[in-house]
């Protein structure tokens, strides 16, 4: 997750590239999840794929508004116009990102419940989104909610690894742990901009692990087809 206001000036533009990179990696994962769902028709895979779609959308939207912010800051217009564009893009980018990221993580968390009771999902979405809309500090609430979601998601994959001792499950668990650490750094970025940069770097590590896991799964599938 990214908010232009928290970014140090020298990092403008790099965050756009990183966010697009995260979106591309998630798109690759989404394509694979779609293929698995077409083969197995597993409901969990479908929910996971929808959740990944929302996370991908969150990064795409945020990268677009971050790019527009950087563009306007370097555009030859008055300072007042720059400030107006900056505030509009910051508002739209931040709230779009929070909305999409929140829904995506809730869907992935719901997937870990292994239940067909969609009332639970509806309650989670309604409670979370309404709380953010009515809260005076939506970013702080969003950060706390994301932290809670990531703790339970990471624990789910860690527990799966302990049970199955599967390397691919371990990579996913480590990825979500790094996403959890990245979210913690974004919380601190409110007062210290360097944490905004560290948060992006931790996210990059997380998505490298996800990409590594995708590579191992593809490699395993190719071996199965050849056998």
Protein backbone atom coordinates (compact mmCIF):
# COMPACT_ATOMS: atom_id res chain seq x y z
CA UNK A 1 0.00 0.00 0.00
CA UNK A 2 1.28 3.46 -0.81
CA UNK A 3 0.35 7.05 -0.07
CA UNK A 4 2.20 9.79 -1.98
CA UNK A 5 2.19 12.19 0.97
CA UNK A 6 4.40 9.83 2.98
CA UNK A 7 6.96 9.38 0.22
CA UNK A 8 10.28 11.27 0.35
CA UNK A 9 10.81 13.45 -2.70
CA UNK A 10 13.72 11.39 -4.07
CA UNK A 11 11.51 8.26 -4.07
CA UNK A 12 8.79 9.74 -6.32
CA UNK A 13 8.56 7.58 -9.42
CA UNK A 14 10.31 4.54 -7.93
CA UNK A 15 7.17 3.71 -5.97
CA UNK A 16 5.17 3.81 -9.23
CA UNK A 17 7.54 1.27 -10.82
CA UNK A 18 7.45 -1.01 -7.78
CA UNK A 19 3.65 -0.92 -7.54
CA UNK A 20 3.31 -1.82 -11.22
CA UNK A 21 5.79 -4.66 -10.66
CA UNK A 22 3.67 -5.98 -7.79
CA UNK A 23 0.57 -5.77 -9.99
CA UNK A 24 2.27 -7.72 -12.79
CA UNK A 25 3.35 -10.47 -10.38
CA UNK A 26 -0.18 -10.69 -9.01
CA UNK A 27 -1.53 -10.86 -12.56
CA UNK A 28 0.73 -13.86 -13.23
CA UNK A 29 -0.54 -15.52 -10.05
CA UNK A 30 -4.12 -14.71 -11.09
CA UNK A 31 -3.69 -16.40 -14.47
CA UNK A 32 -2.33 -19.50 -12.77
CA UNK A 33 -5.16 -19.54 -10.20
CA UNK A 34 -7.69 -19.23 -13.03
CA UNK A 35 -6.13 -22.19 -14.82
CA UNK A 36 -6.18 -24.28 -11.63
CA UNK A 37 -9.83 -23.37 -11.03
CA UNK A 38 -10.81 -24.37 -14.57
CA UNK A 39 -9.15 -27.76 -13.98
CA UNK A 40 -10.32 -28.47 -10.42
CA UNK A 41 -13.38 -26.18 -9.88
CA UNK A 42 -12.21 -25.71 -6.28
CA UNK A 43 -14.18 -22.95 -4.56
CA UNK A 44 -11.17 -21.89 -2.47
CA UNK A 45 -9.09 -21.33 -5.59
CA UNK A 46 -11.87 -19.19 -7.06
CA UNK A 47 -12.12 -17.01 -3.94
CA UNK A 48 -8.32 -16.71 -3.78
CA UNK A 49 -8.27 -15.60 -7.43
CA UNK A 50 -10.93 -12.94 -6.81
CA UNK A 51 -8.97 -11.70 -3.80
CA UNK A 52 -5.79 -11.48 -5.89
CA UNK A 53 -7.74 -9.49 -8.51
CA UNK A 54 -8.66 -6.86 -5.91
CA UNK A 55 -5.07 -6.67 -4.62
CA UNK A 56 -3.80 -6.26 -8.17
CA UNK A 57 -6.36 -3.52 -8.75
CA UNK A 58 -5.20 -1.75 -5.58
CA UNK A 59 -1.62 -1.55 -6.86
CA UNK A 60 -2.65 -0.52 -10.38
CA UNK A 61 -4.89 2.28 -9.13
CA UNK A 62 -2.32 3.52 -6.62
CA UNK A 63 0.49 3.49 -9.19
CA UNK A 64 -1.67 5.50 -11.62
CA UNK A 65 -2.47 8.18 -9.06
CA UNK A 66 1.14 8.25 -7.84
CA UNK A 67 2.24 8.77 -11.44
CA UNK A 68 -0.31 11.57 -11.93
CA UNK A 69 0.94 13.20 -8.73
CA UNK A 70 4.56 13.13 -9.91
CA UNK A 71 3.52 14.39 -13.36
CA UNK A 72 1.62 17.35 -11.95
CA UNK A 73 4.45 18.24 -9.56
CA UNK A 74 6.79 18.56 -12.55
CA UNK A 75 4.22 20.22 -14.80
CA UNK A 76 4.61 23.88 -15.68
CA UNK A 77 1.53 25.15 -13.84
CA UNK A 78 0.93 27.42 -10.86
CA UNK A 79 1.70 26.28 -7.35
CA UNK A 80 -2.00 26.50 -6.41
CA UNK A 81 -2.98 24.25 -9.31
CA UNK A 82 -0.28 21.76 -8.34
CA UNK A 83 -1.55 21.71 -4.76
CA UNK A 84 -5.14 21.16 -5.89
CA UNK A 85 -4.20 18.29 -8.22
CA UNK A 86 -1.96 16.83 -5.53
CA UNK A 87 -4.74 16.73 -2.94
CA UNK A 88 -7.28 15.27 -5.39
CA UNK A 89 -4.93 12.53 -6.59
CA UNK A 90 -3.80 11.77 -3.06
CA UNK A 91 -7.41 11.44 -1.87
CA UNK A 92 -8.59 9.31 -4.81
CA UNK A 93 -5.49 7.11 -4.85
CA UNK A 94 -5.42 6.52 -1.11
CA UNK A 95 -9.09 5.69 -0.67
CA UNK A 96 -9.24 3.53 -3.82
CA UNK A 97 -6.18 1.64 -2.63
CA UNK A 98 -7.60 1.12 0.86
CA UNK A 99 -10.95 -0.07 -0.49
CA UNK A 100 -9.50 -2.56 -2.98
CA UNK A 101 -6.76 -3.81 -0.66
CA UNK A 102 -9.23 -4.27 2.17
CA UNK A 103 -11.66 -6.32 0.05
CA UNK A 104 -8.84 -8.40 -1.43
CA UNK A 105 -7.35 -9.37 1.92
CA UNK A 106 -10.77 -10.13 3.41
CA UNK A 107 -11.46 -12.51 0.51
CA UNK A 108 -8.12 -14.29 0.99
CA UNK A 109 -8.74 -14.49 4.73
CA UNK A 110 -12.23 -15.89 4.11
CA UNK A 111 -10.65 -18.50 1.84
CA UNK A 112 -8.59 -19.75 4.80
CA UNK A 113 -11.77 -20.39 6.82
CA UNK A 114 -12.75 -23.26 4.50
CA UNK A 115 -16.44 -22.51 4.95
CA UNK A 116 -19.35 -22.06 2.55
CA UNK A 117 -21.15 -19.66 4.86
CA UNK A 118 -21.00 -16.46 2.82
CA UNK A 119 -22.81 -14.56 5.57
CA UNK A 120 -19.45 -14.48 7.36
CA UNK A 121 -17.87 -12.84 4.31
CA UNK A 122 -20.71 -10.31 4.05
CA UNK A 123 -20.38 -9.39 7.73
CA UNK A 124 -16.59 -9.00 7.43
CA UNK A 125 -16.89 -6.75 4.38
CA UNK A 126 -19.73 -4.64 5.75
CA UNK A 127 -18.12 -4.17 9.17
CA UNK A 128 -14.73 -3.27 7.77
CA UNK A 129 -15.86 -0.91 5.02
CA UNK A 130 -18.50 0.88 7.08
CA UNK A 131 -16.03 1.33 9.95
CA UNK A 132 -13.53 2.95 7.59
CA UNK A 133 -16.16 5.25 6.10
CA UNK A 134 -17.37 6.42 9.52
CA UNK A 135 -13.96 6.64 11.18
CA UNK A 136 -12.19 9.99 11.70
CA UNK A 137 -8.82 8.33 10.96
CA UNK A 138 -9.56 5.77 8.21
CA UNK A 139 -5.89 5.23 7.38
CA UNK A 140 -5.03 4.24 10.96
CA UNK A 141 -8.03 1.90 11.12
CA UNK A 142 -7.19 0.45 7.72
CA UNK A 143 -3.60 -0.22 8.82
CA UNK A 144 -4.77 -2.02 11.95
CA UNK A 145 -7.29 -4.11 10.03
CA UNK A 146 -4.71 -5.07 7.39
CA UNK A 147 -2.30 -6.07 10.16
CA UNK A 148 -4.92 -8.35 11.69
CA UNK A 149 -5.80 -9.89 8.31
CA UNK A 150 -2.15 -10.53 7.44
CA UNK A 151 -1.41 -12.09 10.83
CA UNK A 152 -4.17 -14.68 10.36
CA UNK A 153 -3.36 -15.29 6.68
CA UNK A 154 0.34 -15.77 7.42
CA UNK A 155 -0.49 -18.07 10.35
CA UNK A 156 -2.71 -20.17 8.06
CA UNK A 157 0.14 -20.79 5.62
CA UNK A 158 2.70 -21.33 8.40
CA UNK A 159 0.41 -23.94 9.95
CA UNK A 160 -0.01 -25.58 6.54
CA UNK A 161 3.77 -25.78 6.19
CA UNK A 162 4.19 -27.30 9.64
CA UNK A 163 1.56 -29.91 8.75
CA UNK A 164 2.67 -30.72 5.20
CA UNK A 165 6.33 -29.64 5.11
CA UNK A 166 5.78 -28.32 1.60
CA UNK A 167 8.38 -25.85 0.33
CA UNK A 168 5.86 -23.99 -1.83
CA UNK A 169 3.56 -23.42 1.17
CA UNK A 170 6.54 -22.11 3.14
CA UNK A 171 7.33 -19.56 0.42
CA UNK A 172 3.76 -18.24 0.50
CA UNK A 173 3.88 -18.05 4.32
CA UNK A 174 7.15 -16.10 4.22
CA UNK A 175 5.70 -13.79 1.57
CA UNK A 176 2.72 -12.88 3.75
CA UNK A 177 5.02 -12.39 6.76
CA UNK A 178 7.01 -9.85 4.73
CA UNK A 179 3.76 -8.17 3.66
CA UNK A 180 2.87 -7.96 7.35
CA UNK A 181 6.22 -6.33 8.14
CA UNK A 182 5.76 -3.97 5.19
CA UNK A 183 2.39 -2.86 6.53
CA UNK A 184 3.98 -2.13 9.91
CA UNK A 185 6.56 0.07 8.20
CA UNK A 186 3.84 2.00 6.37
CA UNK A 187 2.21 2.74 9.72
CA UNK A 188 5.48 4.31 10.94
CA UNK A 189 5.85 6.22 7.65
CA UNK A 190 3.28 8.73 8.96
CA UNK A 191 6.06 10.31 11.03
CA UNK A 192 9.19 8.97 9.29
CA UNK A 193 9.22 8.94 5.48
CA UNK A 194 12.11 6.46 5.25
CA UNK A 195 9.72 3.77 6.50
CA UNK A 196 7.65 4.34 3.35
CA UNK A 197 10.67 3.27 1.32
CA UNK A 198 11.42 0.32 3.60
CA UNK A 199 7.79 -0.77 3.31
CA UNK A 200 8.07 -0.90 -0.48
CA UNK A 201 11.33 -2.86 -0.28
CA UNK A 202 9.74 -5.40 2.09
CA UNK A 203 6.80 -5.70 -0.30
CA UNK A 204 9.27 -6.33 -3.12
CA UNK A 205 10.85 -9.18 -1.13
CA UNK A 206 7.38 -10.60 -0.45
CA UNK A 207 6.44 -10.63 -4.13
CA UNK A 208 9.80 -12.14 -5.10
CA UNK A 209 8.90 -15.06 -2.81
CA UNK A 210 5.47 -15.29 -4.45
CA UNK A 211 7.10 -15.29 -7.90
CA UNK A 212 9.56 -17.95 -6.75
CA UNK A 213 6.66 -20.08 -5.55
CA UNK A 214 4.96 -19.64 -8.93
CA UNK A 215 8.15 -20.79 -10.68
CA UNK A 216 8.37 -23.94 -8.53
CA UNK A 217 4.70 -24.78 -9.14
CA UNK A 218 5.13 -24.36 -12.91
CA UNK A 219 8.29 -26.46 -12.83
CA UNK A 220 6.47 -29.22 -10.92
CA UNK A 221 3.57 -29.14 -13.39
CA UNK A 222 5.92 -29.50 -16.35
CA UNK A 223 7.56 -32.53 -14.74
CA UNK A 224 4.16 -34.13 -14.15
CA UNK A 225 3.16 -33.61 -17.79
CA UNK A 226 6.42 -35.16 -19.03
CA UNK A 227 6.09 -38.19 -16.69
